Amino acid sequence: MASPALAQVIGRHPLHQAPPTPPAISIRSVSWREASSQFYAPGTRLFLQGARPHGVYLLDQGLVKLTRAEPNGRELLAALRPSGWPLGAASIITGRPSPVTAMALTECHLQLIPAEDFLYLIHNDAEFAWYIQQTHSRDIHEQTAQLSQLGCLSARARLEYLLRVFIAAQEPNPARQEIRFQFPITQYEVAEMIAVSREHLCRLLAQMQKEGVIRKYKGWLIVSQDWVGQMDSADVI
């Protein structure tokens, strides 16, 4: 429990809200570690912008995109979420509608924790609460790094970082000398994420192909394990 002085500081903070009353214990909240993941096909919407998620989706495998639509009709790709992320947690904790729509980009395996069970866990399971703290802190860290990348890194470096995200989202196979993958989002969305035009993105991909970093085969992009290994040893988030 926070000290009286600390409680006063927290209470004066405009973002502070009293935590919701934890619900009664349920069988599902006790056995979340043993629960099996469910399969979600590409294109499945997990929850919608402006609505409150029914629960928190723990992404065990796959890639999910978060999009936000503005009143002018434009839709922005806000973020990509690889395995390990608890989707919808912020909305459940704050009690606010989701600011984004979450959709499975690839074949995904997710575990749904109902909202009441999730609130019980973050109140009573220290390991689970620490996991949620870590992922939200990681989110802040990555957003800061991405802002820095836009101002300090070249478009080529930003593209290579994004390729690493796509590669990491698929099932690894160390026995293969090469890794093949497809963009799970449109080229327009890829260009949007690295803040370049679609034409410039095409030039970057052509340059990487000319250098032998990537090659194309029947709609697939193919990179070597050595190149991925060099990226893994770099200082990236």
Protein backbone atom coordinates (compact mmCIF):
# COMPACT_ATOMS: atom_id res chain seq x y z
CA MET A 1 0.00 0.00 0.00
CA ALA A 2 1.26 3.49 -0.84
CA SER A 3 2.37 5.75 2.00
CA PRO A 4 0.01 8.64 2.91
CA ALA A 5 2.34 11.18 1.26
CA LEU A 6 2.62 9.12 -1.92
CA ALA A 7 -1.15 8.54 -1.96
CA GLN A 8 -1.70 12.31 -1.88
CA VAL A 9 0.62 12.83 -4.85
CA ILE A 10 -1.08 10.06 -6.82
CA GLY A 11 -4.51 11.42 -5.91
CA ARG A 12 -3.62 14.87 -7.26
CA HIS A 13 -2.46 13.44 -10.58
CA PRO A 14 -5.07 14.13 -13.29
CA LEU A 15 -4.65 10.67 -14.79
CA HIS A 16 -5.19 8.85 -11.55
CA GLN A 17 -8.40 6.88 -11.12
CA ALA A 18 -9.43 4.65 -8.27
CA PRO A 19 -8.95 1.03 -9.33
CA PRO A 20 -12.13 -0.89 -10.08
CA THR A 21 -13.34 -3.30 -7.43
CA PRO A 22 -11.93 -6.73 -8.24
CA PRO A 23 -14.64 -9.27 -9.03
CA ALA A 24 -15.11 -12.52 -7.20
CA ILE A 25 -12.69 -15.28 -8.07
CA SER A 26 -13.60 -17.55 -10.97
CA ILE A 27 -12.28 -20.84 -12.25
CA ARG A 28 -11.05 -19.20 -15.43
CA SER A 29 -9.04 -16.56 -13.57
CA VAL A 30 -7.28 -19.26 -11.55
CA SER A 31 -6.36 -21.42 -14.54
CA TRP A 32 -5.27 -18.83 -17.10
CA ARG A 33 -1.81 -20.39 -17.40
CA GLU A 34 -3.31 -23.73 -18.39
CA ALA A 35 -5.90 -22.38 -20.83
CA SER A 36 -5.32 -23.21 -24.48
CA SER A 37 -5.08 -20.64 -27.25
CA GLN A 38 -7.75 -20.37 -29.93
CA PHE A 39 -7.12 -20.04 -33.66
CA TYR A 40 -8.12 -16.79 -35.44
CA ALA A 41 -8.01 -16.55 -39.22
CA PRO A 42 -6.39 -13.57 -41.00
CA GLY A 43 -8.85 -10.70 -41.24
CA THR A 44 -10.64 -11.52 -37.98
CA ARG A 45 -11.49 -8.37 -36.01
CA LEU A 46 -10.85 -8.85 -32.32
CA PHE A 47 -12.39 -5.58 -31.15
CA LEU A 48 -13.47 -2.30 -32.73
CA GLN A 49 -12.52 1.33 -32.27
CA GLY A 50 -14.99 3.09 -30.01
CA ALA A 51 -16.14 -0.11 -28.29
CA ARG A 52 -14.99 -1.70 -25.08
CA PRO A 53 -13.28 -5.07 -25.60
CA HIS A 54 -14.99 -8.02 -23.96
CA GLY A 55 -11.65 -9.04 -22.54
CA VAL A 56 -7.91 -9.10 -23.10
CA TYR A 57 -6.43 -11.17 -25.92
CA LEU A 58 -3.03 -12.67 -25.12
CA LEU A 59 -1.28 -13.07 -28.46
CA ASP A 60 0.57 -16.38 -28.36
CA GLN A 61 1.49 -16.55 -32.04
CA GLY A 62 0.93 -14.37 -35.10
CA LEU A 63 0.72 -10.70 -35.98
CA VAL A 64 -2.11 -8.24 -35.25
CA LYS A 65 -2.52 -4.74 -36.66
CA LEU A 66 -4.06 -1.80 -34.83
CA THR A 67 -5.78 0.84 -36.97
CA ARG A 68 -7.52 4.09 -36.17
CA ALA A 69 -10.10 5.84 -38.35
CA GLU A 70 -10.47 9.62 -38.15
CA PRO A 71 -13.62 11.70 -38.86
CA ASN A 72 -12.24 12.74 -42.26
CA GLY A 73 -12.44 9.10 -43.36
CA ARG A 74 -8.73 8.42 -43.34
CA GLU A 75 -7.52 5.25 -41.64
CA LEU A 76 -4.09 5.13 -40.02
CA LEU A 77 -2.09 2.01 -39.28
CA ALA A 78 -1.24 2.78 -35.66
CA ALA A 79 0.88 -0.23 -34.73
CA LEU A 80 1.72 -3.88 -35.33
CA ARG A 81 1.62 -6.30 -32.44
CA PRO A 82 3.71 -9.52 -32.54
CA SER A 83 3.38 -12.46 -30.18
CA GLY A 84 3.55 -11.72 -26.48
CA TRP A 85 1.23 -8.70 -26.41
CA PRO A 86 -1.93 -8.39 -24.29
CA LEU A 87 -4.39 -6.73 -26.67
CA GLY A 88 -7.12 -4.54 -25.17
CA ALA A 89 -5.56 -4.38 -21.71
CA ALA A 90 -5.34 -0.58 -21.59
CA SER A 91 -9.05 -0.17 -22.33
CA ILE A 92 -10.04 -2.72 -19.67
CA ILE A 93 -7.81 -1.06 -17.05
CA THR A 94 -8.96 2.51 -17.78
CA GLY A 95 -12.59 1.59 -18.49
CA ARG A 96 -12.46 3.54 -21.74
CA PRO A 97 -13.46 2.50 -25.28
CA SER A 98 -10.68 1.24 -27.47
CA PRO A 99 -8.99 3.99 -29.54
CA VAL A 100 -8.13 1.43 -32.25
CA THR A 101 -9.49 -1.58 -34.11
CA ALA A 102 -7.48 -4.79 -33.72
CA MET A 103 -7.40 -7.26 -36.61
CA ALA A 104 -5.46 -10.48 -37.15
CA LEU A 105 -3.01 -10.02 -40.02
CA THR A 106 -1.72 -13.57 -40.08
CA GLU A 107 -2.96 -16.83 -38.64
CA CYS A 108 -3.09 -16.07 -34.92
CA HIS A 109 -3.35 -18.08 -31.75
CA LEU A 110 -4.82 -16.02 -28.92
CA GLN A 111 -6.10 -16.64 -25.44
CA LEU A 112 -9.09 -14.51 -24.41
CA ILE A 113 -9.27 -13.52 -20.75
CA PRO A 114 -12.71 -12.04 -19.95
CA ALA A 115 -12.61 -8.50 -18.56
CA GLU A 116 -13.66 -9.45 -15.02
CA ASP A 117 -11.12 -12.25 -14.85
CA PHE A 118 -8.41 -9.91 -16.15
CA LEU A 119 -9.17 -7.33 -13.44
CA TYR A 120 -9.05 -10.04 -10.82
CA LEU A 121 -5.66 -11.20 -12.07
CA ILE A 122 -4.01 -7.78 -12.05
CA HIS A 123 -5.25 -7.26 -8.50
CA ASN A 124 -4.27 -10.66 -7.13
CA ASP A 125 -1.61 -12.28 -9.31
CA ALA A 126 1.72 -10.46 -8.92
CA GLU A 127 3.37 -12.36 -11.78
CA PHE A 128 0.56 -11.50 -14.18
CA ALA A 129 0.42 -7.86 -13.05
CA TRP A 130 4.19 -7.56 -13.61
CA TYR A 131 3.78 -9.00 -17.11
CA ILE A 132 1.18 -6.33 -17.95
CA GLN A 133 3.45 -3.62 -16.50
CA GLN A 134 6.33 -4.84 -18.64
CA THR A 135 4.35 -4.87 -21.89
CA HIS A 136 2.91 -1.39 -21.32
CA SER A 137 6.38 -0.08 -20.46
CA ARG A 138 7.73 -1.75 -23.60
CA ASP A 139 5.01 -0.01 -25.61
CA ILE A 140 6.11 3.40 -24.30
CA HIS A 141 9.75 2.51 -24.97
CA GLU A 142 9.06 1.44 -28.55
CA GLN A 143 6.92 4.49 -29.32
CA THR A 144 9.75 6.74 -28.14
CA ALA A 145 12.25 4.80 -30.25
CA GLN A 146 10.01 5.02 -33.32
CA LEU A 147 9.71 8.80 -32.97
CA SER A 148 13.50 8.96 -32.78
CA GLN A 149 13.84 6.71 -35.84
CA LEU A 150 11.68 9.03 -37.91
CA GLY A 151 13.99 11.92 -37.16
CA CYS A 152 17.37 10.22 -37.00
CA LEU A 153 17.42 7.04 -39.10
CA SER A 154 17.36 6.73 -42.86
CA ALA A 155 14.33 5.34 -44.65
CA ARG A 156 16.39 2.25 -45.49
CA ALA A 157 17.15 1.61 -41.82
CA ARG A 158 13.50 2.06 -40.87
CA LEU A 159 12.48 -0.42 -43.57
CA GLU A 160 15.01 -3.00 -42.37
CA TYR A 161 13.70 -2.64 -38.83
CA LEU A 162 10.14 -3.24 -40.05
CA LEU A 163 11.24 -6.30 -42.04
CA ARG A 164 12.67 -7.70 -38.82
CA VAL A 165 9.27 -7.31 -37.15
CA PHE A 166 7.59 -9.22 -39.98
CA ILE A 167 10.20 -11.99 -39.87
CA ALA A 168 10.02 -12.33 -36.08
CA ALA A 169 6.24 -12.80 -36.28
CA GLN A 170 6.52 -16.05 -38.23
CA GLU A 171 7.50 -19.46 -36.94
CA PRO A 172 11.33 -19.69 -36.94
CA ASN A 173 13.05 -22.54 -38.71
CA PRO A 174 16.82 -22.50 -38.02
CA ALA A 175 17.36 -25.40 -40.43
CA ARG A 176 16.57 -23.18 -43.40
CA GLN A 177 19.34 -21.15 -44.97
CA GLU A 178 16.80 -18.59 -46.17
CA ILE A 179 13.62 -17.07 -44.78
CA ARG A 180 10.72 -16.26 -47.03
CA PHE A 181 7.78 -14.08 -46.10
CA GLN A 182 5.15 -11.78 -47.55
CA PHE A 183 4.15 -8.35 -46.40
CA PRO A 184 1.12 -8.92 -44.14
CA ILE A 185 0.03 -5.36 -44.89
CA THR A 186 -0.25 -3.42 -48.14
CA GLN A 187 2.74 -1.62 -49.61
CA TYR A 188 0.89 1.63 -48.94
CA GLU A 189 0.72 0.74 -45.23
CA VAL A 190 4.39 -0.27 -45.19
CA ALA A 191 5.30 3.09 -46.73
CA GLU A 192 3.08 4.83 -44.19
CA MET A 193 4.80 3.10 -41.29
CA ILE A 194 8.28 4.22 -42.38
CA ALA A 195 7.04 7.68 -43.46
CA VAL A 196 7.91 7.52 -47.17
CA SER A 197 5.91 7.50 -50.38
CA ARG A 198 4.96 4.20 -52.01
CA GLU A 199 7.25 5.09 -54.91
CA HIS A 200 10.21 5.56 -52.59
CA LEU A 201 9.45 2.26 -50.88
CA CYS A 202 9.64 0.54 -54.28
CA ARG A 203 13.03 2.16 -54.88
CA LEU A 204 14.30 0.95 -51.49
CA LEU A 205 13.17 -2.61 -52.17
CA ALA A 206 14.75 -2.51 -55.63
CA GLN A 207 18.02 -1.29 -54.09
CA MET A 208 18.01 -4.10 -51.51
CA GLN A 209 17.28 -6.60 -54.26
CA LYS A 210 20.16 -5.26 -56.36
CA GLU A 211 22.51 -5.61 -53.38
CA GLY A 212 21.41 -9.22 -52.88
CA VAL A 213 19.91 -8.53 -49.46
CA ILE A 214 16.50 -9.73 -50.59
CA ARG A 215 15.11 -11.45 -53.64
CA LYS A 216 11.61 -12.03 -54.94
CA TYR A 217 10.12 -15.37 -55.91
CA LYS A 218 6.48 -15.89 -56.87
CA GLY A 219 5.25 -13.09 -54.64
CA TRP A 220 7.54 -13.93 -51.73
CA LEU A 221 10.40 -11.88 -50.31
CA ILE A 222 13.40 -14.04 -49.43
CA VAL A 223 16.24 -13.06 -47.10
CA SER A 224 19.21 -15.04 -45.81
CA GLN A 225 19.57 -16.32 -42.25
CA ASP A 226 22.94 -14.50 -42.10
CA TRP A 227 21.27 -11.14 -42.74
CA VAL A 228 18.67 -11.84 -40.06
CA GLY A 229 21.46 -12.83 -37.67
CA GLN A 230 23.23 -9.52 -38.28
CA MET A 231 19.99 -7.69 -37.50
CA ASP A 232 19.50 -9.73 -34.31
CA SER A 233 22.93 -8.65 -33.07
CA ALA A 234 22.17 -4.98 -33.72
CA ASP A 235 20.89 -2.63 -31.04
CA VAL A 236 17.19 -2.66 -31.91
CA ILE A 237 14.08 -2.68 -29.76
